[in-house]
């Protein structure tokens, strides 16, 4: 979770039974109490796992909030929902044009309000490359930087295992002292960080 400029903290959780995503917000400045469930109609998935999972969000220059999700339906593009009332109500998620390997991803705003998305822009389950995509106006993501490329940049996998694959999985990020830090699990074995 991270906060709006006015201090409201916005996040989303996977509710049980099953794994059903739901947005939440609080005006408690430390985020300990006051969590309220936002209203969002999930896409019809017909099961106990919502299509929308592993959420993150960024703020647009018009003040609206865009929450992005991994799409469990296998489209290999991100889903997005918008709130214009500080996280209380959200649009029904829609497919975007942003490629996604169906890994976790991370979004937010840089100190100059540029919106960013860190993740694996791949049209299959390959979690290579790891990139950060930027939008100055928070509507059109038209600039990207390669963080990790794979190939000689990727250490060999040491251990096999179920659901393991080579690449940069589970990227998450934080802005600290004017730098964007992106953490990830390389080959699902090593926790690494790119600043």
Protein backbone atom coordinates (compact mmCIF):
# COMPACT_ATOMS: atom_id res chain seq x y z
CA UNK A 1 0.00 0.00 0.00
CA UNK A 2 1.02 3.60 -0.51
CA UNK A 3 -0.58 6.95 0.17
CA UNK A 4 -2.19 9.73 -1.80
CA UNK A 5 -0.74 13.24 -1.29
CA UNK A 6 -3.53 13.95 1.24
CA UNK A 7 -2.47 10.93 3.34
CA UNK A 8 -5.18 8.39 2.43
CA UNK A 9 -3.61 4.94 2.11
CA UNK A 10 -4.90 2.71 -0.67
CA UNK A 11 -4.27 -0.97 -1.18
CA UNK A 12 -6.07 -4.13 -2.25
CA UNK A 13 -6.21 -7.59 -0.76
CA UNK A 14 -7.07 -11.10 -1.87
CA UNK A 15 -10.13 -12.06 0.16
CA UNK A 16 -11.11 -15.58 1.11
CA UNK A 17 -12.72 -17.99 0.53
CA UNK A 18 -10.82 -18.36 -2.71
CA UNK A 19 -8.59 -15.53 -3.90
CA UNK A 20 -10.86 -12.62 -4.78
CA UNK A 21 -9.25 -9.17 -5.11
CA UNK A 22 -10.86 -6.19 -3.38
CA UNK A 23 -9.64 -2.58 -2.98
CA UNK A 24 -9.34 -1.08 0.52
CA UNK A 25 -8.48 2.37 1.90
CA UNK A 26 -7.90 4.08 5.23
CA UNK A 27 -7.39 7.64 6.45
CA UNK A 28 -5.37 6.42 9.44
CA UNK A 29 -1.91 7.93 8.73
CA UNK A 30 -0.12 4.83 10.00
CA UNK A 31 -2.51 2.33 8.39
CA UNK A 32 -3.34 0.39 11.54
CA UNK A 33 -7.09 0.95 11.65
CA UNK A 34 -10.04 2.27 9.70
CA UNK A 35 -9.64 0.07 6.63
CA UNK A 36 -12.77 0.29 4.47
CA UNK A 37 -13.57 -1.91 1.51
CA UNK A 38 -13.91 -0.01 -1.77
CA UNK A 39 -16.56 -0.92 -4.32
CA UNK A 40 -15.41 -2.69 -7.50
CA UNK A 41 -17.24 -5.17 -9.69
CA UNK A 42 -14.81 -7.96 -10.52
CA UNK A 43 -14.78 -9.50 -13.96
CA UNK A 44 -16.76 -12.73 -14.19
CA UNK A 45 -14.31 -15.56 -13.70
CA UNK A 46 -16.65 -18.42 -12.81
CA UNK A 47 -14.36 -19.70 -10.07
CA UNK A 48 -12.89 -19.03 -6.67
CA UNK A 49 -9.97 -16.96 -8.05
CA UNK A 50 -10.75 -13.55 -9.51
CA UNK A 51 -9.25 -12.66 -12.87
CA UNK A 52 -7.77 -9.61 -11.17
CA UNK A 53 -4.96 -10.52 -8.79
CA UNK A 54 -1.69 -9.05 -7.51
CA UNK A 55 -2.71 -5.37 -7.66
CA UNK A 56 -0.69 -2.18 -7.62
CA UNK A 57 -1.59 1.43 -8.42
CA UNK A 58 -0.45 4.85 -9.60
CA UNK A 59 -1.99 8.31 -9.52
CA UNK A 60 -2.92 10.24 -12.67
CA UNK A 61 -2.29 13.96 -13.07
CA UNK A 62 -6.07 14.53 -13.01
CA UNK A 63 -6.21 13.05 -9.47
CA UNK A 64 -7.77 9.72 -10.43
CA UNK A 65 -6.14 6.46 -9.37
CA UNK A 66 -5.39 3.56 -11.70
CA UNK A 67 -5.10 0.12 -10.13
CA UNK A 68 -3.44 -2.47 -12.33
CA UNK A 69 -3.70 -6.24 -12.00
CA UNK A 70 -2.28 -9.47 -13.34
CA UNK A 71 -4.94 -11.18 -15.48
CA UNK A 72 -5.44 -14.79 -14.38
CA UNK A 73 -7.34 -15.44 -17.62
CA UNK A 74 -4.06 -15.71 -19.52
CA UNK A 75 -4.39 -12.71 -21.84
CA UNK A 76 -0.79 -11.61 -21.11
CA UNK A 77 -1.84 -7.98 -20.75
CA UNK A 78 -2.53 -6.01 -17.59
CA UNK A 79 -6.03 -5.26 -16.35
CA UNK A 80 -6.85 -1.79 -15.02
CA UNK A 81 -9.56 -0.14 -12.93
CA UNK A 82 -9.98 3.59 -12.18
CA UNK A 83 -11.19 5.45 -9.10
CA UNK A 84 -12.09 9.14 -9.25
CA UNK A 85 -13.11 9.41 -5.57
CA UNK A 86 -9.91 8.53 -3.69
CA UNK A 87 -10.43 4.75 -3.76
CA UNK A 88 -14.03 4.46 -2.63
CA UNK A 89 -15.48 3.35 -6.00
CA UNK A 90 -13.69 1.65 -8.90
CA UNK A 91 -14.65 0.94 -12.50
CA UNK A 92 -15.03 -2.63 -13.64
CA UNK A 93 -11.50 -3.71 -14.74
CA UNK A 94 -10.69 -3.67 -18.45
CA UNK A 95 -7.91 -5.12 -20.57
CA UNK A 96 -5.08 -2.71 -21.37
CA UNK A 97 -2.48 -2.76 -24.16
CA UNK A 98 0.40 -3.26 -21.68
CA UNK A 99 2.09 -6.67 -22.15
CA UNK A 100 2.48 -8.75 -19.01
CA UNK A 101 4.04 -12.15 -18.34
CA UNK A 102 1.43 -12.82 -15.63
CA UNK A 103 3.92 -12.10 -12.87
CA UNK A 104 3.46 -9.70 -10.01
CA UNK A 105 4.14 -6.10 -10.94
CA UNK A 106 4.52 -2.81 -9.17
CA UNK A 107 3.32 0.70 -9.94
CA UNK A 108 3.51 4.14 -8.39
CA UNK A 109 4.66 7.70 -8.96
CA UNK A 110 8.14 9.18 -8.99
CA UNK A 111 8.83 12.39 -7.03
CA UNK A 112 8.00 14.52 -10.12
CA UNK A 113 4.62 12.65 -10.39
CA UNK A 114 5.70 10.58 -13.41
CA UNK A 115 3.72 7.33 -13.27
CA UNK A 116 5.69 4.08 -13.48
CA UNK A 117 5.05 0.38 -13.86
CA UNK A 118 7.79 -2.15 -13.09
CA UNK A 119 7.33 -5.65 -14.41
CA UNK A 120 7.90 -8.19 -17.16
CA UNK A 121 6.50 -6.83 -20.46
CA UNK A 122 6.32 -10.21 -22.19
CA UNK A 123 3.49 -11.74 -24.20
CA UNK A 124 4.00 -15.19 -22.67
CA UNK A 125 4.98 -16.58 -19.25
CA UNK A 126 8.64 -15.61 -19.75
CA UNK A 127 9.69 -13.33 -16.89
CA UNK A 128 12.38 -11.73 -18.99
CA UNK A 129 13.03 -8.84 -19.42
CA UNK A 130 12.49 -6.80 -16.27
CA UNK A 131 11.69 -3.21 -17.19
CA UNK A 132 10.24 0.00 -15.83
CA UNK A 133 7.79 1.85 -18.07
CA UNK A 134 7.12 5.57 -17.57
CA UNK A 135 4.35 8.04 -18.35
CA UNK A 136 4.90 11.76 -17.85
CA UNK A 137 1.18 12.53 -18.30
CA UNK A 138 0.07 9.31 -16.50
CA UNK A 139 -2.13 8.31 -19.46
CA UNK A 140 0.34 7.15 -22.13
CA UNK A 141 3.29 4.97 -21.16
CA UNK A 142 5.74 5.87 -23.89
CA UNK A 143 9.18 5.45 -22.33
CA UNK A 144 10.80 2.32 -20.88
CA UNK A 145 14.09 1.35 -19.31
CA UNK A 146 15.53 -2.14 -19.30
CA UNK A 147 16.49 -3.15 -15.75
CA UNK A 148 17.52 -6.78 -16.39
CA UNK A 149 17.87 -8.36 -19.83
CA UNK A 150 18.35 -12.07 -19.27
CA UNK A 151 20.99 -13.89 -21.33
CA UNK A 152 24.48 -13.35 -19.91
CA UNK A 153 22.89 -11.02 -17.32
CA UNK A 154 21.00 -13.96 -15.74
CA UNK A 155 22.80 -16.34 -13.38
CA UNK A 156 22.15 -20.08 -13.90
CA UNK A 157 19.31 -21.68 -11.95
CA UNK A 158 20.74 -23.81 -9.15
CA UNK A 159 17.70 -25.90 -8.19
CA UNK A 160 14.74 -27.30 -10.08
CA UNK A 161 11.24 -27.24 -8.67
CA UNK A 162 7.54 -26.98 -9.35
CA UNK A 163 6.54 -23.60 -10.89
CA UNK A 164 10.18 -22.57 -11.20
CA UNK A 165 11.43 -20.85 -14.31
CA UNK A 166 14.34 -18.64 -15.25
CA UNK A 167 13.76 -14.93 -14.99
CA UNK A 168 12.94 -12.02 -12.72
CA UNK A 169 9.79 -12.77 -10.73
CA UNK A 170 7.63 -10.85 -8.25
CA UNK A 171 8.93 -7.31 -8.87
CA UNK A 172 8.00 -4.77 -6.19
CA UNK A 173 9.21 -1.22 -5.81
CA UNK A 174 9.67 1.73 -3.50
CA UNK A 175 10.76 5.31 -4.09
CA UNK A 176 13.31 6.38 -1.48
CA UNK A 177 15.49 9.51 -1.45
CA UNK A 178 14.64 10.32 -5.08
CA UNK A 179 15.54 6.84 -6.35
CA UNK A 180 13.29 4.03 -7.57
CA UNK A 181 14.29 0.67 -6.09
CA UNK A 182 12.90 -2.47 -7.71
CA UNK A 183 13.29 -5.80 -5.91
CA UNK A 184 12.64 -9.19 -7.49
CA UNK A 185 13.36 -12.91 -7.16
CA UNK A 186 15.84 -14.03 -9.81
CA UNK A 187 15.05 -17.59 -10.90
CA UNK A 188 12.86 -17.73 -7.76
CA UNK A 189 16.10 -18.32 -5.85
CA UNK A 190 17.90 -15.02 -5.25
CA UNK A 191 16.36 -11.80 -3.96
CA UNK A 192 17.95 -8.95 -5.93
CA UNK A 193 17.53 -5.21 -6.20
CA UNK A 194 18.02 -2.66 -8.97
CA UNK A 195 18.19 1.06 -8.22
